[in-house]
C-alpha atoms as a PDB file:
ATOM      1  CA  UNK A   1     126.472 178.300  77.384  1.00  0.00           C
ATOM      2  CA  UNK A   2     123.431 176.890  79.149  1.00  0.00           C
ATOM      3  CA  UNK A   3     122.475 180.378  80.141  1.00  0.00           C
ATOM      4  CA  UNK A   4     122.678 181.464  76.535  1.00  0.00           C
ATOM      5  CA  UNK A   5     120.647 178.464  75.452  1.00  0.00           C
ATOM      6  CA  UNK A   6     117.971 179.198  78.105  1.00  0.00           C
ATOM      7  CA  UNK A   7     117.879 182.809  77.030  1.00  0.00           C
ATOM      8  CA  UNK A   8     117.646 181.826  73.380  1.00  0.00           C
ATOM      9  CA  UNK A   9     114.827 179.328  74.091  1.00  0.00           C
ATOM     10  CA  UNK A  10     112.990 181.936  76.176  1.00  0.00           C
ATOM     11  CA  UNK A  11     113.294 184.394  73.293  1.00  0.00           C
ATOM     12  CA  UNK A  12     112.021 181.773  70.849  1.00  0.00           C
ATOM     13  CA  UNK A  13     109.109 180.968  73.215  1.00  0.00           C
ATOM     14  CA  UNK A  14     108.226 184.669  73.479  1.00  0.00           C
ATOM     15  CA  UNK A  15     108.476 185.034  69.708  1.00  0.00           C
ATOM     16  CA  UNK A  16     106.210 182.001  69.184  1.00  0.00           C
ATOM     17  CA  UNK A  17     103.739 183.397  71.736  1.00  0.00           C
ATOM     18  CA  UNK A  18     103.723 186.781  70.001  1.00  0.00           C
ATOM     19  CA  UNK A  19     103.348 185.150  66.602  1.00  0.00           C
ATOM     20  CA  UNK A  20     100.452 183.016  67.908  1.00  0.00           C
ATOM     21  CA  UNK A  21      98.796 186.091  69.395  1.00  0.00           C
ATOM     22  CA  UNK A  22      99.247 188.048  66.150  1.00  0.00           C
ATOM     23  CA  UNK A  23      97.862 185.151  64.105  1.00  0.00           C
ATOM     24  CA  UNK A  24      94.829 184.755  66.415  1.00  0.00           C
ATOM     25  CA  UNK A  25      94.145 188.485  66.378  1.00  0.00           C
ATOM     26  CA  UNK A  26      94.522 188.663  62.599  1.00  0.00           C
ATOM     27  CA  UNK A  27      92.320 185.625  61.902  1.00  0.00           C
ATOM     28  CA  UNK A  28      89.622 186.859  64.312  1.00  0.00           C
ATOM     29  CA  UNK A  29      89.642 190.235  62.598  1.00  0.00           C
ATOM     30  CA  UNK A  30      89.472 188.590  59.171  1.00  0.00           C
ATOM     31  CA  UNK A  31      86.583 186.371  60.296  1.00  0.00           C
ATOM     32  CA  UNK A  32      84.635 189.419  61.534  1.00  0.00           C
ATOM     33  CA  UNK A  33      85.356 191.262  58.303  1.00  0.00           C
ATOM     34  CA  UNK A  34      84.279 188.255  56.249  1.00  0.00           C
ATOM     35  CA  UNK A  35      81.030 188.083  58.235  1.00  0.00           C
ATOM     36  CA  UNK A  36      80.427 191.794  57.563  1.00  0.00           C
ATOM     37  CA  UNK A  37      81.205 191.320  53.890  1.00  0.00           C
ATOM     38  CA  UNK A  38      78.783 188.392  53.643  1.00  0.00           C
ATOM     39  CA  UNK A  39      76.069 190.420  55.402  1.00  0.00           C
ATOM     40  CA  UNK A  40      76.644 193.275  52.967  1.00  0.00           C
ATOM     41  CA  UNK A  41      76.531 190.894  50.009  1.00  0.00           C
ATOM     42  CA  UNK A  42      73.192 189.514  51.205  1.00  0.00           C
ATOM     43  CA  UNK A  43      71.860 193.032  51.691  1.00  0.00           C
ATOM     44  CA  UNK A  44      73.010 194.063  48.216  1.00  0.00           C
ATOM     45  CA  UNK A  45      71.449 190.936  46.714  1.00  0.00           C
ATOM     46  CA  UNK A  46      68.173 191.735  48.461  1.00  0.00           C
ATOM     47  CA  UNK A  47      68.209 195.330  47.204  1.00  0.00           C
ATOM     48  CA  UNK A  48      69.136 194.171  43.692  1.00  0.00           C
ATOM     49  CA  UNK A  49      66.289 191.661  43.781  1.00  0.00           C
ATOM     50  CA  UNK A  50      63.795 194.336  44.787  1.00  0.00           C
ATOM     51  CA  UNK A  51      65.211 196.739  42.214  1.00  0.00           C
ATOM     52  CA  UNK A  52      64.936 194.089  39.506  1.00  0.00           C
ATOM     53  CA  UNK A  53      61.331 193.456  40.527  1.00  0.00           C
ATOM     54  CA  UNK A  54      60.565 197.185  40.500  1.00  0.00           C
ATOM     55  CA  UNK A  55      62.256 197.642  37.132  1.00  0.00           C
ATOM     56  CA  UNK A  56      60.307 194.695  35.743  1.00  0.00           C
ATOM     57  CA  UNK A  57      57.036 196.129  37.038  1.00  0.00           C
ATOM     58  CA  UNK A  58      57.847 199.549  35.611  1.00  0.00           C
ATOM     59  CA  UNK A  59      58.778 198.005  32.273  1.00  0.00           C
ATOM     60  CA  UNK A  60      55.399 196.202  32.205  1.00  0.00           C
ATOM     61  CA  UNK A  61      53.545 199.420  33.050  1.00  0.00           C
ATOM     62  CA  UNK A  62      55.380 201.327  30.326  1.00  0.00           C
ATOM     63  CA  UNK A  63      54.582 198.581  27.822  1.00  0.00           C
ATOM     64  CA  UNK A  64      50.872 198.709  28.722  1.00  0.00           C
ATOM     65  CA  UNK A  65      50.809 202.507  28.397  1.00  0.00           C
ATOM     66  CA  UNK A  66      52.634 202.384  25.063  1.00  0.00           C
ATOM     67  CA  UNK A  67      50.089 199.847  23.793  1.00  0.00           C
ATOM     68  CA  UNK A  68      47.213 202.201  24.702  1.00  0.00           C
ATOM     69  CA  UNK A  69      48.769 205.394  23.312  1.00  0.00           C
ATOM     70  CA  UNK A  70      47.985 204.776  19.630  1.00  0.00           C
ATOM     71  CA  UNK A  71      44.279 204.434  20.480  1.00  0.00           C
ATOM     72  CA  UNK A  72      44.079 207.766  22.301  1.00  0.00           C
ATOM     73  CA  UNK A  73      43.054 210.918  20.427  1.00  0.00           C
ATOM     74  CA  UNK A  74      45.786 213.367  19.499  1.00  0.00           C
ATOM     75  CA  UNK A  75      45.643 217.140  19.969  1.00  0.00           C
ATOM     76  CA  UNK A  76      43.946 217.744  16.615  1.00  0.00           C
ATOM     77  CA  UNK A  77      41.260 215.139  17.352  1.00  0.00           C
ATOM     78  CA  UNK A  78      40.649 216.603  20.796  1.00  0.00           C
ATOM     79  CA  UNK A  79      40.228 220.074  19.262  1.00  0.00           C
ATOM     80  CA  UNK A  80      37.752 218.701  16.709  1.00  0.00           C
ATOM     81  CA  UNK A  81      35.831 216.956  19.500  1.00  0.00           C
ATOM     82  CA  UNK A  82      35.698 220.189  21.470  1.00  0.00           C
ATOM     83  CA  UNK A  83      34.333 222.080  18.437  1.00  0.00           C
ATOM     84  CA  UNK A  84      31.711 219.401  17.825  1.00  0.00           C
ATOM     85  CA  UNK A  85      30.616 219.483  21.453  1.00  0.00           C
ATOM     86  CA  UNK A  86      30.209 223.271  21.252  1.00  0.00           C
ATOM     87  CA  UNK A  87      28.209 222.841  18.038  1.00  0.00           C
ATOM     88  CA  UNK A  88      25.975 220.253  19.723  1.00  0.00           C
ATOM     89  CA  UNK A  89      25.500 222.624  22.653  1.00  0.00           C
ATOM     90  CA  UNK A  90      24.216 225.294  20.256  1.00  0.00           C
ATOM     91  CA  UNK A  91      21.952 222.771  18.531  1.00  0.00           C
ATOM     92  CA  UNK A  92      20.519 221.680  21.882  1.00  0.00           C
ATOM     93  CA  UNK A  93      19.744 225.297  22.825  1.00  0.00           C
ATOM     94  CA  UNK A  94      17.918 225.758  19.520  1.00  0.00           C
ATOM     95  CA  UNK A  95      16.038 222.491  20.087  1.00  0.00           C
ATOM     96  CA  UNK A  96      15.094 223.636  23.597  1.00  0.00           C
ATOM     97  CA  UNK A  97      13.609 226.832  22.191  1.00  0.00           C
ATOM     98  CA  UNK A  98      11.692 224.856  19.565  1.00  0.00           C
ATOM     99  CA  UNK A  99      10.343 222.515  22.236  1.00  0.00           C
ATOM    100  CA  UNK A 100       9.102 225.498  24.257  1.00  0.00           C
ATOM    101  CA  UNK A 101       7.034 226.523  21.242  1.00  0.00           C
ATOM    102  CA  UNK A 102       5.673 222.996  20.863  1.00  0.00           C
ATOM    103  CA  UNK A 103       4.925 222.904  24.609  1.00  0.00           C
ATOM    104  CA  UNK A 104       2.917 226.127  24.288  1.00  0.00           C
ATOM    105  CA  UNK A 105       0.929 224.667  21.399  1.00  0.00           C
ATOM    106  CA  UNK A 106       0.293 221.452  23.358  1.00  0.00           C
ATOM    107  CA  UNK A 107      -0.958 223.411  26.357  1.00  0.00           C
ATOM    108  CA  UNK A 108      -3.294 225.381  24.100  1.00  0.00           C
ATOM    109  CA  UNK A 109      -4.582 222.168  22.500  1.00  0.00           C
ATOM    110  CA  UNK A 110      -4.978 220.559  25.933  1.00  0.00           C
ATOM    111  CA  UNK A 111      -6.944 223.563  27.240  1.00  0.00           C
ATOM    112  CA  UNK A 112      -9.183 223.477  24.167  1.00  0.00           C
ATOM    113  CA  UNK A 113      -9.878 219.758  24.590  1.00  0.00           C
ATOM    114  CA  UNK A 114     -10.672 220.221  28.281  1.00  0.00           C
ATOM    115  CA  UNK A 115     -13.144 223.053  27.508  1.00  0.00           C
ATOM    116  CA  UNK A 116     -14.791 220.971  24.779  1.00  0.00           C
ATOM    117  CA  UNK A 117     -15.202 218.078  27.158  1.00  0.00           C
ATOM    118  CA  UNK A 118     -16.869 220.234  29.833  1.00  0.00           C
ATOM    119  CA  UNK A 119     -18.989 222.184  27.540  1.00  0.00           C
END
């Protein structure tokens, strides 16, 4: 009977040792996993914070652009501006030709005045 009791107590001691080992291994593994999970949570929070900042900045930029859009000319206005610029270009060429005629007359008048002064 004592032999059986010793054997039974040895078995219980081994079982307790194995249970303690399993518990230690399991809790260590859980602690490492929790640490990894916390690190990932922090990383996700950091990325979310940056994303929120970027989204906020983009939203502000879009708002500013949308505020300026009504003041910009549309396609029809741009076409009209282009036509007017071409018209002004033609007018300036005509004015340039007219000024060449006036320049010729001024040179003639200047030459006449210089001859009168000498003579």
